[in-house]
Amino acid sequence: MSATSDGDKKRIAADCWRRGNAALPAENFDYAIEMYLTAVKLLPDSLVYRQSLRFTEYKKYKNNGSGASMAGMRAMGSRGRVKTARLSKDWATVDLAAEEGLQLNPWDVGFNIDVGDAAKARGHGEVAVFAYQEALKREPGHKELNRSLGELLEERAEYKQAADCWRRILKLDPMNGEARSKITQLDAKGVMDRGGYEAAENTRGAMAPHEVARRAGGGGASGPGESPVADLERLVRKDPNNKDNVLKLADLYRREGRLEDAEQQLQKALELTGNNLNVREVLEDVQLEMMSKAVGVAKEQFRAKPQDEARKQQAVALAAELLNREVEVYSSRVDRYPQDMRLKFELATRLMKQQKWQLAIPLLQQSRSDPRVKAEALVNLGKCFAYDKKPQLARRQFEAALPELSFDAQPELYKETCYALGRLCEDGGDKTAAEEFYQKVLEVDYGYRDAVTRLDALQAQGG
């Protein structure tokens, strides 16, 4: 497409948008919608045009929440076109067919999701977020919708809103270990994005400048309404036994990266709620975050002075303490949520770090039933059997994992699995299979470990 035609599209779309705006005061909604839809067709990535179209559709139906009479039946043709276009991944057609359906009922959750999916696939992130959010207003308990929006917001570095999506999922499914993990990760990303902890010498050094100034007394809120944290702090001081305010304050502290303050408030909340299990789990998560941050700081300090043996020992000791605490926390949660396979997988990976192969194996055997972690669980099973000196069992697990892996999606895991199979086959005397697996490694990474040397040696023996 030429630059001139792109310019023409922008000019025509802008003209249509202005015509639509001019029709609104006279409540000529049909003409305005026609103009906005033309602008959307010409520039499908424009958030302004898309919002103008949708909000005018709402006005046309007087915000009745259901659209035209018998909209469901009248939109069946559009729904069929969406379905057909989805099969061939014709996202432009999906978008237009969904917009046709939304002209009959702009609140239709399915069509809004279709618009969001099409926009996401075409790289129109702002439009996708808008469409998903409009759908979410109608159906906040839609798990897959929350997941799609959360993933998109994370890609756009909107960590707080992304975490809110996963919180809604966790509220719907309290045993969802993935949601708990994502919330923790996103909260941490938000903190890192605001202040950064990567190379901090200590907690104060990890803070953003505005946070250091605030704690030193130079940036505090002077009155109500100027700071949500300050407002909640006043409420907690006024009524220290109000557990809801204490929990809200702890959550705000955690979002700001003030983990120590969050831990203190959560300890209070734990007392006020009579050792409530949900509060305890949040407290455990915060404590793990604090320990993880401490390990990160210790490692950075050691890297800055690698000859300092004391710093090295401190980093090792803190890492071991964190690992032990993680095993303790995940073990209790596995007991509490025995159907959560993701938790079992996470516990197994920690047990592997402690070289407790026989404890990790049954957990991995169960967690491989979860498609989200199936490939990694099979690879880790192979490792456990190999370390436990059961090479035949190890080979079976690695071979079962290989069809679940692709180099494009998981390059390191793919190479590691092929190389491990090569080693097992070589040690077991199956030289032909060993050559094949080493070749798979070299096809994607010619310098991976000593695969070239091993393949050359095997081929020389064959020669």
Protein backbone atom coordinates (compact mmCIF):
# COMPACT_ATOMS: atom_id res chain seq x y z
CA MET A 1 0.00 0.00 0.00
CA SER A 2 1.45 3.38 -1.03
CA ALA A 3 2.06 6.29 1.28
CA THR A 4 -0.44 8.36 -0.74
CA SER A 5 -3.26 5.88 -0.24
CA ASP A 6 -2.52 5.81 3.49
CA GLY A 7 -2.78 9.57 3.51
CA ASP A 8 -6.06 9.46 1.64
CA LYS A 9 -7.46 6.96 4.14
CA LYS A 10 -6.54 9.18 7.05
CA ARG A 11 -8.07 12.24 5.35
CA ILE A 12 -11.30 10.46 4.48
CA ALA A 13 -11.57 8.86 7.93
CA ALA A 14 -11.07 12.22 9.63
CA ASP A 15 -13.74 13.78 7.40
CA CYS A 16 -16.19 10.96 8.23
CA TRP A 17 -15.49 11.41 11.92
CA ARG A 18 -16.24 15.14 11.71
CA ARG A 19 -19.49 14.42 9.85
CA GLY A 20 -20.45 11.97 12.57
CA ASN A 21 -19.76 14.55 15.24
CA ALA A 22 -21.89 17.10 13.41
CA ALA A 23 -24.84 14.69 13.31
CA LEU A 24 -24.91 14.11 17.07
CA PRO A 25 -26.52 17.38 18.24
CA ALA A 26 -29.56 16.60 16.06
CA GLU A 27 -29.59 13.04 17.44
CA ASN A 28 -29.16 11.65 13.94
CA PHE A 29 -27.55 8.57 15.43
CA ASP A 30 -27.86 6.28 12.41
CA TYR A 31 -25.95 8.66 10.18
CA ALA A 32 -23.34 9.30 12.88
CA ILE A 33 -22.83 5.55 13.33
CA GLU A 34 -22.48 5.11 9.58
CA MET A 35 -19.79 7.80 9.45
CA TYR A 36 -17.91 6.47 12.49
CA LEU A 37 -18.03 2.93 11.14
CA THR A 38 -16.56 4.11 7.84
CA ALA A 39 -13.74 5.78 9.76
CA VAL A 40 -13.17 2.56 11.72
CA LYS A 41 -13.02 0.51 8.52
CA LEU A 42 -10.43 2.87 7.06
CA LEU A 43 -8.33 3.12 10.24
CA PRO A 44 -9.11 0.11 12.44
CA ASP A 45 -6.28 0.97 14.84
CA SER A 46 -7.78 4.33 15.86
CA LEU A 47 -9.07 4.26 19.44
CA VAL A 48 -10.85 7.62 19.05
CA TYR A 49 -12.92 6.43 16.10
CA ARG A 50 -13.75 3.16 17.80
CA GLN A 51 -14.85 4.88 21.00
CA SER A 52 -16.95 7.41 19.09
CA LEU A 53 -18.71 4.55 17.30
CA ARG A 54 -19.42 2.55 20.44
CA PHE A 55 -20.57 5.41 22.63
CA THR A 56 -22.92 6.66 19.89
CA GLU A 57 -24.38 3.16 19.63
CA TYR A 58 -25.05 3.31 23.37
CA LYS A 59 -26.87 6.63 22.92
CA LYS A 60 -28.94 5.30 20.05
CA TYR A 61 -30.37 2.59 22.29
CA LYS A 62 -30.69 4.99 25.26
CA ASN A 63 -28.27 2.91 27.29
CA ASN A 64 -30.82 0.12 27.66
CA GLY A 65 -28.09 -2.51 27.91
CA SER A 66 -29.68 -4.83 25.35
CA GLY A 67 -29.72 -2.97 22.03
CA ALA A 68 -32.32 -3.51 19.34
CA SER A 69 -35.40 -5.69 19.63
CA MET A 70 -34.58 -9.38 19.04
CA ALA A 71 -30.92 -8.42 18.59
CA GLY A 72 -29.75 -11.94 19.35
CA MET A 73 -31.65 -13.51 16.46
CA ARG A 74 -30.92 -10.66 14.06
CA ALA A 75 -27.19 -10.94 14.76
CA MET A 76 -26.96 -14.66 13.99
CA GLY A 77 -25.59 -13.97 10.51
CA SER A 78 -22.81 -11.77 11.92
CA ARG A 79 -21.98 -14.41 14.51
CA GLY A 80 -21.69 -17.04 11.80
CA ARG A 81 -19.33 -14.84 9.77
CA VAL A 82 -17.20 -14.25 12.86
CA LYS A 83 -16.96 -17.97 13.48
CA THR A 84 -15.97 -18.74 9.88
CA ALA A 85 -13.40 -15.94 9.77
CA ARG A 86 -11.87 -17.04 13.08
CA LEU A 87 -11.18 -20.50 11.63
CA SER A 88 -9.06 -18.99 8.88
CA LYS A 89 -7.66 -16.29 11.19
CA ASP A 90 -9.05 -13.60 8.91
CA TRP A 91 -8.98 -10.99 11.63
CA ALA A 92 -10.08 -8.08 9.46
CA THR A 93 -13.30 -9.94 8.64
CA VAL A 94 -13.74 -10.94 12.29
CA ASP A 95 -13.49 -7.27 13.25
CA LEU A 96 -16.03 -6.06 10.66
CA ALA A 97 -18.51 -8.87 11.29
CA ALA A 98 -18.34 -8.23 15.04
CA GLU A 99 -18.90 -4.52 14.49
CA GLU A 100 -21.98 -5.39 12.43
CA GLY A 101 -23.31 -7.36 15.38
CA LEU A 102 -22.50 -4.54 17.79
CA GLN A 103 -24.66 -2.17 15.76
CA LEU A 104 -27.60 -4.29 16.92
CA ASN A 105 -26.38 -4.71 20.50
CA PRO A 106 -23.25 -2.73 21.45
CA TRP A 107 -23.23 -4.42 24.87
CA ASP A 108 -22.89 -7.93 23.42
CA VAL A 109 -20.01 -9.53 25.33
CA GLY A 110 -19.12 -12.01 22.60
CA PHE A 111 -18.87 -9.43 19.83
CA ASN A 112 -16.81 -7.10 22.02
CA ILE A 113 -14.43 -9.96 22.73
CA ASP A 114 -14.27 -10.68 19.00
CA VAL A 115 -13.28 -7.08 18.33
CA GLY A 116 -10.66 -7.29 21.08
CA ASP A 117 -9.22 -10.55 19.79
CA ALA A 118 -9.07 -9.21 16.23
CA ALA A 119 -7.40 -5.98 17.35
CA LYS A 120 -4.90 -7.88 19.48
CA ALA A 121 -4.01 -10.20 16.60
CA ARG A 122 -3.52 -7.21 14.30
CA GLY A 123 -1.34 -5.35 16.79
CA HIS A 124 -3.92 -2.69 17.67
CA GLY A 125 -3.35 -2.82 21.42
CA GLU A 126 -5.32 0.26 22.49
CA VAL A 127 -8.42 -0.87 20.63
CA ALA A 128 -8.08 -4.37 22.05
CA VAL A 129 -7.89 -3.05 25.62
CA PHE A 130 -10.96 -0.85 25.02
CA ALA A 131 -13.00 -3.72 23.57
CA TYR A 132 -12.06 -6.12 26.35
CA GLN A 133 -12.84 -3.52 29.02
CA GLU A 134 -16.27 -2.82 27.51
CA ALA A 135 -17.01 -6.56 27.56
CA LEU A 136 -15.77 -6.79 31.14
CA LYS A 137 -18.23 -4.13 32.28
CA ARG A 138 -21.02 -6.49 31.32
CA GLU A 139 -19.42 -9.69 32.51
CA PRO A 140 -16.71 -9.02 35.14
CA GLY A 141 -16.67 -12.70 36.08
CA HIS A 142 -15.57 -13.89 32.62
CA LYS A 143 -12.38 -15.81 33.39
CA GLU A 144 -10.91 -16.03 29.87
CA LEU A 145 -11.71 -12.39 29.21
CA ASN A 146 -9.86 -11.36 32.36
CA ARG A 147 -6.94 -13.53 31.29
CA SER A 148 -6.81 -12.01 27.79
CA LEU A 149 -7.01 -8.46 29.12
CA GLY A 150 -4.49 -9.17 31.87
CA GLU A 151 -1.96 -10.59 29.41
CA LEU A 152 -2.41 -7.64 27.07
CA LEU A 153 -2.06 -5.08 29.85
CA GLU A 154 1.10 -6.80 31.07
CA GLU A 155 2.59 -6.57 27.57
CA ARG A 156 1.82 -2.86 27.70
CA ALA A 157 3.53 -2.53 31.11
CA GLU A 158 0.22 -1.60 32.79
CA TYR A 159 0.98 -3.87 35.71
CA LYS A 160 -1.54 -2.66 38.25
CA GLN A 161 -4.51 -3.08 35.92
CA ALA A 162 -3.16 -6.45 34.77
CA ALA A 163 -2.91 -7.62 38.37
CA ASP A 164 -6.52 -6.54 38.93
CA CYS A 165 -7.59 -8.89 36.13
CA TRP A 166 -5.82 -11.79 37.82
CA ARG A 167 -7.33 -10.80 41.16
CA ARG A 168 -10.77 -11.15 39.64
CA ILE A 169 -9.77 -14.59 38.37
CA LEU A 170 -8.52 -15.53 41.83
CA LYS A 171 -11.78 -14.34 43.38
CA LEU A 172 -13.66 -16.59 40.95
CA ASP A 173 -11.28 -19.49 41.52
CA PRO A 174 -9.51 -19.24 44.90
CA MET A 175 -7.50 -22.39 44.11
CA ASN A 176 -6.01 -20.92 40.94
CA GLY A 177 -2.30 -21.02 41.64
CA GLU A 178 -1.45 -19.36 38.34
CA ALA A 179 -3.50 -16.31 39.31
CA ARG A 180 -1.76 -16.05 42.68
CA SER A 181 1.61 -16.31 40.99
CA LYS A 182 0.75 -13.71 38.34
CA ILE A 183 -0.50 -11.25 40.95
CA THR A 184 2.78 -11.56 42.83
CA GLN A 185 4.81 -11.16 39.65
CA LEU A 186 2.83 -8.17 38.41
CA ASP A 187 2.93 -6.42 41.76
CA ALA A 188 6.69 -6.93 41.77
CA LYS A 189 6.99 -5.63 38.20
CA GLY A 190 5.03 -2.57 39.18
CA VAL A 191 7.40 -1.89 42.04
CA MET A 192 10.46 -2.45 39.84
CA ASP A 193 8.97 -0.18 37.19
CA ARG A 194 8.46 2.64 39.70
CA GLY A 195 11.68 2.41 41.65
CA GLY A 196 13.94 -0.47 40.71
CA TYR A 197 15.75 -2.97 42.94
CA GLU A 198 18.19 -4.53 40.51
CA ALA A 199 21.43 -2.98 41.71
CA ALA A 200 20.39 -1.59 45.09
CA GLU A 201 22.94 -1.70 47.88
CA ASN A 202 20.16 -1.68 50.47
CA THR A 203 16.44 -1.06 50.81
CA ARG A 204 16.83 2.71 50.82
CA GLY A 205 19.01 2.54 47.71
CA ALA A 206 16.28 0.58 45.97
CA MET A 207 13.67 3.29 46.35
CA ALA A 208 12.66 5.75 43.72
CA PRO A 209 13.84 9.29 44.57
CA HIS A 210 10.30 10.49 45.34
CA GLU A 211 9.86 7.63 47.80
CA VAL A 212 13.13 8.44 49.60
CA ALA A 213 12.05 12.07 49.87
CA ARG A 214 8.60 11.09 51.13
CA ARG A 215 10.01 8.94 53.91
CA ALA A 216 12.46 11.64 54.85
CA GLY A 217 9.54 14.02 55.34
CA GLY A 218 9.92 16.03 52.15
CA GLY A 219 7.02 14.67 50.10
CA GLY A 220 4.23 13.72 52.46
CA ALA A 221 0.62 14.65 51.81
CA SER A 222 -0.42 17.78 53.65
CA GLY A 223 -4.15 17.07 53.80
CA PRO A 224 -6.97 14.59 53.10
CA GLY A 225 -7.42 13.51 49.50
CA GLU A 226 -3.85 14.22 48.41
CA SER A 227 -2.59 10.68 48.97
CA PRO A 228 -4.56 7.40 49.22
CA VAL A 229 -1.87 5.98 51.49
CA ALA A 230 -1.91 8.98 53.82
CA ASP A 231 -5.72 8.92 53.93
CA LEU A 232 -5.75 5.24 54.89
CA GLU A 233 -3.01 5.77 57.44
CA ARG A 234 -5.22 8.39 59.12
CA LEU A 235 -8.20 6.02 59.07
CA VAL A 236 -6.16 3.22 60.63
CA ARG A 237 -4.85 5.52 63.34
CA LYS A 238 -8.40 6.65 64.04
CA ASP A 239 -9.81 3.11 64.17
CA PRO A 240 -6.96 0.58 64.51
CA ASN A 241 -9.39 -2.34 64.87
CA ASN A 242 -11.00 -1.88 61.47
CA LYS A 243 -9.55 -4.90 59.67
CA ASP A 244 -10.78 -3.78 56.23
CA ASN A 245 -8.83 -0.53 56.38
CA VAL A 246 -5.76 -2.32 57.72
CA LEU A 247 -5.87 -4.76 54.79
CA LYS A 248 -6.35 -1.95 52.28
CA LEU A 249 -3.38 -0.10 53.72
CA ALA A 250 -1.25 -3.24 53.56
CA ASP A 251 -2.23 -3.66 49.91
CA LEU A 252 -1.26 -0.06 49.09
CA TYR A 253 2.06 -0.45 50.88
CA ARG A 254 2.73 -3.60 48.91
CA ARG A 255 1.93 -1.89 45.61
CA GLU A 256 4.37 0.88 46.48
CA GLY A 257 7.08 -1.63 47.30
CA ARG A 258 6.98 -0.86 51.02
CA LEU A 259 7.08 -4.53 51.90
CA GLU A 260 8.17 -4.10 55.48
CA ASP A 261 5.26 -1.73 56.17
CA ALA A 262 2.89 -4.12 54.39
CA GLU A 263 4.11 -7.01 56.53
CA GLN A 264 3.48 -5.01 59.70
CA GLN A 265 -0.11 -4.22 58.71
CA LEU A 266 -0.75 -7.81 57.65
CA GLN A 267 0.43 -9.02 61.03
CA LYS A 268 -2.15 -6.71 62.59
CA ALA A 269 -4.82 -7.96 60.21
CA LEU A 270 -3.97 -11.54 61.07
CA GLU A 271 -4.65 -10.80 64.71
CA LEU A 272 -7.85 -8.87 63.98
CA THR A 273 -9.25 -11.66 61.77
CA GLY A 274 -8.37 -14.48 64.15
CA ASN A 275 -5.63 -15.96 61.94
CA ASN A 276 -7.72 -15.85 58.76
CA LEU A 277 -6.27 -18.22 56.16
CA ASN A 278 -6.50 -15.80 53.24
CA VAL A 279 -4.75 -13.06 55.21
CA ARG A 280 -2.04 -15.52 56.22
CA GLU A 281 -1.38 -16.47 52.61
CA VAL A 282 -1.02 -12.82 51.61
CA LEU A 283 1.37 -12.33 54.53
CA GLU A 284 3.40 -15.34 53.40
CA ASP A 285 3.59 -13.95 49.88
CA VAL A 286 4.83 -10.59 51.15
CA GLN A 287 7.43 -12.28 53.33
CA LEU A 288 8.65 -14.34 50.36
CA GLU A 289 8.90 -11.15 48.31
CA MET A 290 10.94 -9.54 51.08
CA MET A 291 13.29 -12.51 51.23
CA SER A 292 13.61 -12.62 47.46
CA LYS A 293 14.47 -8.94 47.39
CA ALA A 294 17.09 -9.49 50.08
CA VAL A 295 18.64 -12.33 48.07
CA GLY A 296 18.75 -10.08 45.00
CA VAL A 297 20.49 -7.31 46.90
CA ALA A 298 23.01 -9.75 48.39
CA LYS A 299 23.82 -11.18 44.96
CA GLU A 300 24.32 -7.72 43.48
CA GLN A 301 26.62 -6.78 46.33
CA PHE A 302 28.65 -9.94 45.77
CA ARG A 303 28.88 -9.27 42.03
CA ALA A 304 30.18 -5.79 42.80
CA LYS A 305 32.96 -7.35 44.97
CA PRO A 306 33.40 -10.98 43.86
CA GLN A 307 36.50 -11.45 46.03
CA ASP A 308 34.55 -10.68 49.21
CA GLU A 309 33.98 -14.13 50.77
CA ALA A 310 31.66 -12.74 53.45
CA ARG A 311 29.31 -11.33 50.83
CA LYS A 312 29.35 -14.63 49.00
CA GLN A 313 28.44 -16.55 52.13
CA GLN A 314 25.68 -14.10 52.93
CA ALA A 315 24.15 -14.50 49.47
CA VAL A 316 24.35 -18.30 49.71
CA ALA A 317 22.80 -18.34 53.18
CA LEU A 318 19.94 -16.02 52.22
CA ALA A 319 19.22 -18.05 49.07
CA ALA A 320 19.09 -21.25 51.12
CA GLU A 321 16.78 -19.61 53.64
CA LEU A 322 14.47 -18.42 50.89
CA LEU A 323 14.39 -21.89 49.33
CA ASN A 324 13.54 -23.53 52.64
CA ARG A 325 10.78 -21.02 53.26
CA GLU A 326 9.34 -21.55 49.77
CA VAL A 327 9.27 -25.31 50.32
CA GLU A 328 7.48 -24.77 53.60
CA VAL A 329 4.88 -22.41 52.11
CA TYR A 330 4.25 -24.47 48.97
CA SER A 331 4.01 -27.68 50.98
CA SER A 332 1.28 -26.25 53.17
CA ARG A 333 -0.61 -24.93 50.15
CA VAL A 334 -0.37 -28.25 48.33
CA ASP A 335 -1.98 -29.85 51.36
CA ARG A 336 -4.62 -27.13 51.41
CA TYR A 337 -5.37 -27.21 47.68
CA PRO A 338 -4.69 -30.81 46.60
CA GLN A 339 -6.28 -30.29 43.16
CA ASP A 340 -4.01 -27.39 42.22
CA MET A 341 -1.44 -29.00 39.93
CA ARG A 342 0.45 -25.75 39.39
CA LEU A 343 1.23 -25.58 43.10
CA LYS A 344 2.55 -29.15 43.00
CA PHE A 345 4.78 -28.24 40.09
CA GLU A 346 6.16 -25.21 41.92
CA LEU A 347 6.84 -27.28 45.05
CA ALA A 348 8.57 -29.96 42.96
CA THR A 349 10.92 -27.43 41.35
CA ARG A 350 11.97 -26.25 44.83
CA LEU A 351 12.51 -29.81 46.02
CA MET A 352 14.71 -30.42 42.99
CA LYS A 353 16.90 -27.50 44.04
CA GLN A 354 17.31 -29.33 47.35
CA GLN A 355 18.15 -32.52 45.38
CA LYS A 356 15.17 -34.33 46.88
CA TRP A 357 14.43 -36.25 43.70
CA GLN A 358 12.21 -38.92 45.20
CA LEU A 359 9.96 -36.32 46.81
CA ALA A 360 9.73 -34.29 43.63
CA ILE A 361 8.90 -37.21 41.31
CA PRO A 362 5.32 -37.96 42.48
CA LEU A 363 4.47 -34.26 42.47
CA LEU A 364 5.72 -33.90 38.90
CA GLN A 365 3.86 -37.03 37.83
CA GLN A 366 0.65 -35.41 39.04
CA SER A 367 1.36 -31.91 37.72
CA ARG A 368 2.03 -33.14 34.17
CA SER A 369 -1.78 -33.47 33.85
CA ASP A 370 -1.95 -29.66 33.81
CA PRO A 371 -1.45 -28.55 30.18
CA ARG A 372 0.06 -25.25 31.34
CA VAL A 373 3.09 -26.99 32.84
CA LYS A 374 3.02 -30.38 31.10
CA ALA A 375 6.20 -29.91 29.06
CA GLU A 376 8.24 -28.51 31.96
CA ALA A 377 6.92 -31.21 34.30
CA LEU A 378 8.01 -33.97 31.90
CA VAL A 379 11.46 -32.44 31.45
CA ASN A 380 11.88 -32.12 35.21
CA LEU A 381 10.73 -35.71 35.65
CA GLY A 382 13.42 -36.77 33.22
CA LYS A 383 16.01 -34.88 35.23
CA CYS A 384 14.83 -36.41 38.50
CA PHE A 385 14.99 -39.96 37.12
CA ALA A 386 18.42 -39.27 35.64
CA TYR A 387 19.76 -37.93 38.94
CA ASP A 388 18.12 -40.88 40.69
CA LYS A 389 20.10 -43.21 38.37
CA LYS A 390 17.12 -44.48 36.39
CA PRO A 391 18.22 -43.67 32.82
CA GLN A 392 15.52 -45.63 30.99
CA LEU A 393 12.75 -43.86 32.88
CA ALA A 394 14.51 -40.56 32.32
CA ARG A 395 14.69 -41.15 28.57
CA ARG A 396 10.96 -41.91 28.40
CA GLN A 397 10.07 -38.65 30.11
CA PHE A 398 12.33 -36.57 27.87
CA GLU A 399 10.93 -38.28 24.78
CA ALA A 400 7.38 -37.62 26.00
CA ALA A 401 8.27 -33.96 26.57
CA LEU A 402 9.77 -33.37 23.13
CA PRO A 403 6.46 -33.28 21.17
CA GLU A 404 5.20 -30.70 23.67
CA LEU A 405 8.15 -28.40 22.98
CA SER A 406 9.13 -26.13 20.13
CA PHE A 407 12.31 -24.17 19.70
CA ASP A 408 10.40 -20.98 18.88
CA ALA A 409 8.30 -21.09 22.04
CA GLN A 410 10.83 -22.49 24.54
CA PRO A 411 14.29 -22.43 22.98
CA GLU A 412 16.37 -23.24 26.07
CA LEU A 413 14.10 -26.03 27.26
CA TYR A 414 14.02 -27.53 23.77
CA LYS A 415 17.83 -27.54 23.46
CA GLU A 416 18.27 -28.86 26.99
CA THR A 417 15.85 -31.74 26.34
CA CYS A 418 17.43 -32.75 23.03
CA TYR A 419 20.90 -32.61 24.56
CA ALA A 420 19.82 -34.66 27.58
CA LEU A 421 18.36 -37.30 25.27
CA GLY A 422 21.59 -37.34 23.31
CA ARG A 423 23.61 -37.93 26.46
CA LEU A 424 21.27 -40.66 27.70
CA CYS A 425 21.28 -42.45 24.34
CA GLU A 426 25.04 -42.14 24.07
CA ASP A 427 25.58 -43.53 27.57
CA GLY A 428 23.08 -46.31 26.83
CA GLY A 429 24.88 -47.39 23.66
CA ASP A 430 22.18 -46.17 21.24
CA LYS A 431 24.58 -44.20 19.06
CA THR A 432 22.19 -43.69 16.16
CA ALA A 433 19.58 -42.05 18.37
CA ALA A 434 22.28 -40.03 20.13
CA GLU A 435 23.47 -38.63 16.79
CA GLU A 436 19.90 -37.65 15.88
CA PHE A 437 19.34 -35.76 19.11
CA TYR A 438 22.69 -33.97 18.93
CA GLN A 439 21.81 -32.97 15.37
CA LYS A 440 18.50 -31.52 16.59
CA VAL A 441 20.46 -29.37 19.02
CA LEU A 442 22.96 -28.21 16.42
CA GLU A 443 20.22 -27.37 13.93
CA VAL A 444 19.13 -24.54 16.23
CA ASP A 445 22.33 -23.72 18.18
CA TYR A 446 25.65 -24.87 16.74
CA GLY A 447 27.59 -23.78 19.79
CA TYR A 448 25.44 -25.47 22.43
CA ARG A 449 27.64 -27.03 25.13
CA ASP A 450 29.81 -29.81 23.69
CA ALA A 451 27.24 -31.16 21.24
CA VAL A 452 29.55 -30.67 18.23
CA THR A 453 32.40 -32.56 19.88
CA ARG A 454 30.14 -35.43 20.90
CA LEU A 455 28.52 -35.70 17.49
CA ASP A 456 31.91 -35.67 15.74
CA ALA A 457 33.15 -38.43 18.06
CA LEU A 458 30.09 -40.59 17.39
CA GLN A 459 30.34 -40.10 13.65
CA ALA A 460 34.05 -40.93 13.73
CA GLN A 461 33.26 -44.17 15.54
CA GLY A 462 30.64 -44.98 12.94
CA GLY A 463 33.09 -44.25 10.13
